[in-house]
Amino acid sequence: MTRQQVAKRLGKSLVTVRRLEGGCLHPRQDSRGVHHFRSEEVEALARDVEQGRISLWEELWQEHEHATGDERFEECDRCTVLGKKVKALRSQLDDQSADHQRALESLEHERDRERAKYEAEAHQLVDRLEELLEAVEG
């Protein structure tokens, strides 16, 4: 596949395809200098993008370039930035899951305590009812 075909398949610009070279894509150059991409590699990348495993959003790269002042933002750096964002989000998700689990355990404990209290009251009422029936019959 040519750069143009790759750009069309990914729905991105030629500039984006060039930025992916050496990182996500590994073209070979023919004797005329035309870059050719393996369709299997392009399709795998397209699937990853479509399934949300990889993001090609220019805003992410520009955000990092703006924050660091680095005009030459290499693909490996992009992967590092995304990796850090994914790691931070996973950590946040783990924290939320732990909070959720603690809240769930607290609610279950409170439910069990209320159930035990209800059952004790029910037994007391049954005992009183039996005493009352004995007194009425006796």
Protein backbone atom coordinates (compact mmCIF):
# COMPACT_ATOMS: atom_id res chain seq x y z
CA MET A 1 0.00 0.00 0.00
CA THR A 2 1.17 3.53 -0.70
CA ARG A 3 1.05 6.41 1.77
CA GLN A 4 -2.05 7.72 0.02
CA GLN A 5 -3.81 4.35 0.36
CA VAL A 6 -2.80 4.08 4.01
CA ALA A 7 -4.06 7.61 4.70
CA LYS A 8 -7.37 6.77 3.04
CA ARG A 9 -7.70 3.47 4.96
CA LEU A 10 -6.99 5.14 8.30
CA GLY A 11 -9.01 8.24 7.50
CA LYS A 12 -5.99 10.40 8.28
CA SER A 13 -3.75 12.81 6.44
CA LEU A 14 -0.47 12.00 4.68
CA VAL A 15 1.30 13.96 7.42
CA THR A 16 -0.17 11.61 10.04
CA VAL A 17 0.93 8.59 8.02
CA ARG A 18 4.47 10.02 7.82
CA ARG A 19 4.44 10.53 11.59
CA LEU A 20 3.46 6.88 12.08
CA GLU A 21 6.40 5.64 10.03
CA GLY A 22 9.03 3.98 12.15
CA GLY A 23 6.60 3.73 15.06
CA CYS A 24 3.32 2.05 14.25
CA LEU A 25 4.11 1.50 10.56
CA HIS A 26 7.29 0.22 8.95
CA PRO A 27 7.32 0.92 5.21
CA ARG A 28 9.94 -0.21 2.74
CA GLN A 29 11.17 2.12 0.08
CA ASP A 30 11.44 1.04 -3.53
CA SER A 31 14.13 2.14 -6.00
CA ARG A 32 12.05 5.21 -6.96
CA GLY A 33 11.74 6.30 -3.31
CA VAL A 34 8.09 5.33 -3.00
CA HIS A 35 7.16 4.04 0.43
CA HIS A 36 5.20 0.78 0.48
CA PHE A 37 3.36 -0.50 3.54
CA ARG A 38 2.36 -4.08 4.29
CA SER A 39 -1.42 -4.29 4.11
CA GLU A 40 -1.46 -6.69 7.11
CA GLU A 41 0.31 -4.08 9.26
CA VAL A 42 -2.02 -1.30 8.08
CA GLU A 43 -5.12 -3.43 8.67
CA ALA A 44 -3.91 -4.39 12.16
CA LEU A 45 -3.36 -0.71 12.98
CA ALA A 46 -6.78 0.21 11.53
CA ARG A 47 -8.45 -2.47 13.71
CA ASP A 48 -6.62 -1.21 16.79
CA VAL A 49 -7.75 2.34 16.05
CA GLU A 50 -11.34 1.28 15.33
CA GLN A 51 -11.48 -0.78 18.55
CA GLY A 52 -10.02 2.08 20.59
CA ARG A 53 -6.78 0.33 21.53
CA ILE A 54 -4.73 3.02 19.77
CA SER A 55 -5.57 6.67 19.29
CA LEU A 56 -4.23 8.72 16.42
CA TRP A 57 -5.76 11.97 17.65
CA GLU A 58 -3.49 14.82 16.73
CA GLU A 59 -4.74 16.74 19.75
CA LEU A 60 -2.91 14.35 22.07
CA TRP A 61 0.36 14.92 20.30
CA GLN A 62 -0.15 18.66 20.06
CA GLU A 63 -1.10 18.78 23.74
CA HIS A 64 2.20 17.17 24.67
CA GLU A 65 4.21 19.27 22.21
CA HIS A 66 2.62 22.41 23.66
CA ALA A 67 3.26 21.30 27.25
CA THR A 68 6.90 20.40 26.59
CA GLY A 69 7.70 22.95 23.90
CA ASP A 70 9.09 20.06 21.86
CA GLU A 71 8.45 20.60 18.17
CA ARG A 72 10.03 17.26 17.20
CA PHE A 73 7.66 14.87 18.90
CA GLU A 74 8.68 11.38 17.86
CA GLU A 75 6.25 8.43 17.60
CA CYS A 76 7.97 6.62 20.48
CA ASP A 77 7.32 9.67 22.63
CA ARG A 78 3.69 9.59 21.57
CA CYS A 79 3.42 5.99 22.66
CA THR A 80 5.06 6.91 25.97
CA VAL A 81 2.58 9.74 26.54
CA LEU A 82 -0.35 7.47 25.73
CA GLY A 83 1.10 4.73 27.90
CA LYS A 84 1.32 7.14 30.83
CA LYS A 85 -2.26 8.29 30.25
CA VAL A 86 -3.47 4.68 30.09
CA LYS A 87 -1.53 3.86 33.26
CA ALA A 88 -3.03 6.86 35.06
CA LEU A 89 -6.53 5.91 33.95
CA ARG A 90 -6.00 2.30 35.04
CA SER A 91 -4.81 3.50 38.43
CA GLN A 92 -7.86 5.74 38.70
CA LEU A 93 -10.11 2.84 37.73
CA ASP A 94 -8.42 0.57 40.29
CA ASP A 95 -8.96 3.21 43.00
CA GLN A 96 -12.62 3.59 42.05
CA SER A 97 -13.08 -0.18 42.00
CA ALA A 98 -11.54 -0.46 45.46
CA ASP A 99 -13.81 2.35 46.76
CA HIS A 100 -16.81 0.61 45.19
CA GLN A 101 -15.84 -2.72 46.77
CA ARG A 102 -15.47 -1.10 50.21
CA ALA A 103 -18.85 0.60 49.88
CA LEU A 104 -20.46 -2.65 48.75
CA GLU A 105 -18.94 -4.57 51.68
CA SER A 106 -20.15 -1.86 54.08
CA LEU A 107 -23.68 -2.07 52.68
CA GLU A 108 -23.65 -5.88 52.89
CA HIS A 109 -22.46 -5.69 56.52
CA GLU A 110 -25.19 -3.18 57.34
CA ARG A 111 -27.79 -5.40 55.62
CA ASP A 112 -26.63 -8.45 57.59
CA ARG A 113 -26.74 -6.46 60.85
CA GLU A 114 -30.28 -5.22 60.09
CA ARG A 115 -31.38 -8.74 59.11
CA ALA A 116 -30.04 -10.16 62.40
CA LYS A 117 -31.80 -7.38 64.31
CA TYR A 118 -35.07 -8.10 62.44
CA GLU A 119 -34.79 -11.85 63.07
CA ALA A 120 -34.16 -11.26 66.80
CA GLU A 121 -37.21 -9.00 66.99
CA ALA A 122 -39.27 -11.58 65.08
CA HIS A 123 -38.26 -14.30 67.57
CA GLN A 124 -39.19 -12.03 70.49
CA LEU A 125 -42.58 -11.37 68.91
CA VAL A 126 -43.17 -15.09 68.37
CA ASP A 127 -42.22 -15.79 71.99
CA ARG A 128 -44.57 -13.05 73.25
CA LEU A 129 -47.33 -14.31 70.98
CA GLU A 130 -46.89 -17.84 72.37
CA GLU A 131 -46.99 -16.45 75.94
CA LEU A 132 -50.13 -14.50 75.12
CA LEU A 133 -51.81 -17.56 73.56
CA GLU A 134 -50.92 -19.65 76.65
CA ALA A 135 -52.36 -16.97 78.91
CA VAL A 136 -55.58 -16.77 76.88
CA GLU A 137 -55.97 -20.57 76.68
CA GLY A 138 -54.87 -21.22 80.23
